[in-house]
Amino acid sequence: RWLGFLEEGHGEHEGASGGGGSGWRLLGVLEWAPGFSSLGKPPSMSSITRDTYPPEARWSGPQLLAIARGIALALEHLHASSLSHGDLYAHNILWRDDAAAGGGGGGGGGGGGGGG
């Protein structure tokens, strides 16, 4: 399974959806990652620029280190290819609790994100 990310556009070079020249353009495609979830949720109207988290969200020290390491490795990989994601926020990071997933590890993996 694959996930596609679309952005509504208004330019003539984007796929026309009919009428007015507005359309959608494909921003990216990712393979579905079963067992992963986003680290945070997008900002709310009250938080404006900050990601939001459910009240029960908790991570241990080893989990946070594993997440931070995963993010750093992902950004290192992008930068080595002269790429920059440009949007490193918790709601753009996929993670999995490896201990809960049966991996015996102490944390999740960082992934989608960017901002570097």
C-alpha atoms as a PDB file:
ATOM      1  CA  ARG A   1       0.000   0.000   0.000  1.00  0.00           C
ATOM      2  CA  TRP A   2       1.137   3.532  -0.731  1.00  0.00           C
ATOM      3  CA  LEU A   3       0.287   6.980   0.599  1.00  0.00           C
ATOM      4  CA  GLY A   4       0.161   9.975  -1.719  1.00  0.00           C
ATOM      5  CA  PHE A   5       0.425  13.582  -0.598  1.00  0.00           C
ATOM      6  CA  LEU A   6      -1.416  16.177  -2.638  1.00  0.00           C
ATOM      7  CA  GLU A   7      -1.514  19.944  -2.602  1.00  0.00           C
ATOM      8  CA  GLU A   8      -4.265  22.022  -4.113  1.00  0.00           C
ATOM      9  CA  GLY A   9      -2.817  24.271  -6.769  1.00  0.00           C
ATOM     10  CA  HIS A  10      -3.949  27.148  -8.899  1.00  0.00           C
ATOM     11  CA  GLY A  11      -1.327  27.255 -11.654  1.00  0.00           C
ATOM     12  CA  GLU A  12      -1.734  26.277 -15.263  1.00  0.00           C
ATOM     13  CA  HIS A  13       1.059  23.687 -14.998  1.00  0.00           C
ATOM     14  CA  GLU A  14      -0.729  21.572 -12.421  1.00  0.00           C
ATOM     15  CA  GLY A  15      -3.195  18.846 -13.286  1.00  0.00           C
ATOM     16  CA  ALA A  16      -6.467  20.515 -14.059  1.00  0.00           C
ATOM     17  CA  SER A  17      -9.386  19.154 -12.103  1.00  0.00           C
ATOM     18  CA  GLY A  18     -11.870  20.927 -14.302  1.00  0.00           C
ATOM     19  CA  GLY A  19     -12.966  24.515 -14.235  1.00  0.00           C
ATOM     20  CA  GLY A  20     -10.984  27.581 -13.306  1.00  0.00           C
ATOM     21  CA  GLY A  21      -7.568  26.056 -13.883  1.00  0.00           C
ATOM     22  CA  SER A  22      -7.265  24.920 -10.281  1.00  0.00           C
ATOM     23  CA  GLY A  23      -6.049  21.410  -9.641  1.00  0.00           C
ATOM     24  CA  TRP A  24      -3.952  19.199  -7.478  1.00  0.00           C
ATOM     25  CA  ARG A  25      -0.294  18.333  -7.691  1.00  0.00           C
ATOM     26  CA  LEU A  26       1.455  15.334  -6.267  1.00  0.00           C
ATOM     27  CA  LEU A  27       3.974  16.281  -3.574  1.00  0.00           C
ATOM     28  CA  GLY A  28       5.211  12.837  -2.666  1.00  0.00           C
ATOM     29  CA  VAL A  29       4.507   9.166  -2.279  1.00  0.00           C
ATOM     30  CA  LEU A  30       5.495   6.948   0.629  1.00  0.00           C
ATOM     31  CA  GLU A  31       5.129   3.245   1.168  1.00  0.00           C
ATOM     32  CA  TRP A  32       2.615   2.517   3.930  1.00  0.00           C
ATOM     33  CA  ALA A  33       4.401   1.695   7.187  1.00  0.00           C
ATOM     34  CA  PRO A  34       2.202  -0.642   9.274  1.00  0.00           C
ATOM     35  CA  GLY A  35       2.685  -0.252  13.015  1.00  0.00           C
ATOM     36  CA  PHE A  36       3.943   3.332  12.745  1.00  0.00           C
ATOM     37  CA  SER A  37       2.091   6.458  13.787  1.00  0.00           C
ATOM     38  CA  SER A  38       2.867  10.151  13.741  1.00  0.00           C
ATOM     39  CA  LEU A  39       4.786  11.395  16.750  1.00  0.00           C
ATOM     40  CA  GLY A  40       2.498  14.399  17.198  1.00  0.00           C
ATOM     41  CA  LYS A  41      -0.542  16.005  15.673  1.00  0.00           C
ATOM     42  CA  PRO A  42      -0.687  19.233  13.634  1.00  0.00           C
ATOM     43  CA  PRO A  43      -1.052  22.555  15.440  1.00  0.00           C
ATOM     44  CA  SER A  44      -4.470  23.473  16.753  1.00  0.00           C
ATOM     45  CA  MET A  45      -6.087  26.898  16.628  1.00  0.00           C
ATOM     46  CA  SER A  46      -5.039  27.473  20.242  1.00  0.00           C
ATOM     47  CA  SER A  47      -1.440  26.334  19.756  1.00  0.00           C
ATOM     48  CA  ILE A  48      -1.093  27.998  16.317  1.00  0.00           C
ATOM     49  CA  THR A  49       2.550  27.113  15.558  1.00  0.00           C
ATOM     50  CA  ARG A  50       3.162  24.218  17.914  1.00  0.00           C
ATOM     51  CA  ASP A  51       2.414  20.547  17.402  1.00  0.00           C
ATOM     52  CA  THR A  52      -0.169  19.062  19.722  1.00  0.00           C
ATOM     53  CA  TYR A  53      -0.045  15.804  21.656  1.00  0.00           C
ATOM     54  CA  PRO A  54      -2.704  13.718  23.352  1.00  0.00           C
ATOM     55  CA  PRO A  55      -2.645  14.135  27.150  1.00  0.00           C
ATOM     56  CA  GLU A  56      -1.561  10.496  27.604  1.00  0.00           C
ATOM     57  CA  ALA A  57       1.484  10.848  25.292  1.00  0.00           C
ATOM     58  CA  ARG A  58       4.629   9.822  27.174  1.00  0.00           C
ATOM     59  CA  TRP A  59       8.065   8.682  26.014  1.00  0.00           C
ATOM     60  CA  SER A  60      10.900   7.277  28.076  1.00  0.00           C
ATOM     61  CA  GLY A  61      14.431   8.631  27.886  1.00  0.00           C
ATOM     62  CA  PRO A  62      15.608   5.694  25.718  1.00  0.00           C
ATOM     63  CA  GLN A  63      12.615   6.149  23.398  1.00  0.00           C
ATOM     64  CA  LEU A  64      13.374   9.855  22.964  1.00  0.00           C
ATOM     65  CA  LEU A  65      17.027   9.111  22.220  1.00  0.00           C
ATOM     66  CA  ALA A  66      16.047   6.472  19.650  1.00  0.00           C
ATOM     67  CA  ILE A  67      13.575   8.854  17.996  1.00  0.00           C
ATOM     68  CA  ALA A  68      16.133  11.688  17.902  1.00  0.00           C
ATOM     69  CA  ARG A  69      18.774   9.336  16.468  1.00  0.00           C
ATOM     70  CA  GLY A  70      16.354   8.109  13.790  1.00  0.00           C
ATOM     71  CA  ILE A  71      15.526  11.680  12.794  1.00  0.00           C
ATOM     72  CA  ALA A  72      19.226  12.607  12.662  1.00  0.00           C
ATOM     73  CA  LEU A  73      20.000   9.561  10.485  1.00  0.00           C
ATOM     74  CA  ALA A  74      17.125  10.374   8.124  1.00  0.00           C
ATOM     75  CA  LEU A  75      18.286  13.987   7.778  1.00  0.00           C
ATOM     76  CA  GLU A  76      21.894  12.877   7.304  1.00  0.00           C
ATOM     77  CA  HIS A  77      20.722  10.642   4.456  1.00  0.00           C
ATOM     78  CA  LEU A  78      18.768  13.486   2.826  1.00  0.00           C
ATOM     79  CA  HIS A  79      21.613  15.971   3.210  1.00  0.00           C
ATOM     80  CA  ALA A  80      24.131  13.506   1.752  1.00  0.00           C
ATOM     81  CA  SER A  81      21.926  13.543  -1.358  1.00  0.00           C
ATOM     82  CA  SER A  82      21.781  17.369  -1.351  1.00  0.00           C
ATOM     83  CA  LEU A  83      18.124  17.281  -0.304  1.00  0.00           C
ATOM     84  CA  SER A  84      16.347  19.182   2.441  1.00  0.00           C
ATOM     85  CA  HIS A  85      12.913  18.255   3.759  1.00  0.00           C
ATOM     86  CA  GLY A  86      12.077  21.700   5.097  1.00  0.00           C
ATOM     87  CA  ASP A  87       9.280  20.752   7.506  1.00  0.00           C
ATOM     88  CA  LEU A  88      10.624  18.991  10.611  1.00  0.00           C
ATOM     89  CA  TYR A  89       7.726  18.811  13.025  1.00  0.00           C
ATOM     90  CA  ALA A  90       6.417  15.999  15.204  1.00  0.00           C
ATOM     91  CA  HIS A  91       3.342  15.544  13.019  1.00  0.00           C
ATOM     92  CA  ASN A  92       5.676  14.735  10.084  1.00  0.00           C
ATOM     93  CA  ILE A  93       7.650  12.074  11.938  1.00  0.00           C
ATOM     94  CA  LEU A  94       6.631   8.430  11.900  1.00  0.00           C
ATOM     95  CA  TRP A  95       7.625   6.324  14.885  1.00  0.00           C
ATOM     96  CA  ARG A  96       6.949   2.904  16.326  1.00  0.00           C
ATOM     97  CA  ASP A  97       7.342   1.709  19.880  1.00  0.00           C
ATOM     98  CA  ASP A  98       9.670  -1.222  19.158  1.00  0.00           C
ATOM     99  CA  ALA A  99       9.185  -2.700  22.633  1.00  0.00           C
ATOM    100  CA  ALA A 100       5.400  -2.765  22.172  1.00  0.00           C
ATOM    101  CA  ALA A 101       5.840  -4.091  18.616  1.00  0.00           C
ATOM    102  CA  GLY A 102       7.803  -7.070  19.916  1.00  0.00           C
ATOM    103  CA  GLY A 103      11.183  -5.760  18.830  1.00  0.00           C
ATOM    104  CA  GLY A 104      12.501  -5.584  22.374  1.00  0.00           C
ATOM    105  CA  GLY A 105      14.054  -2.226  21.675  1.00  0.00           C
ATOM    106  CA  GLY A 106      13.686   0.877  23.736  1.00  0.00           C
ATOM    107  CA  GLY A 107      12.235   3.293  21.273  1.00  0.00           C
ATOM    108  CA  GLY A 108      10.908   4.260  17.935  1.00  0.00           C
ATOM    109  CA  GLY A 109      12.444   5.198  14.693  1.00  0.00           C
ATOM    110  CA  GLY A 110      12.446   8.691  13.339  1.00  0.00           C
ATOM    111  CA  GLY A 111      11.462   9.081   9.806  1.00  0.00           C
ATOM    112  CA  GLY A 112       9.532  11.515   7.823  1.00  0.00           C
ATOM    113  CA  GLY A 113      10.310  14.966   8.999  1.00  0.00           C
ATOM    114  CA  GLY A 114      12.702  17.335   7.571  1.00  0.00           C
ATOM    115  CA  GLY A 115      13.544  20.864   8.363  1.00  0.00           C
ATOM    116  CA  GLY A 116      17.176  20.383   7.793  1.00  0.00           C
END
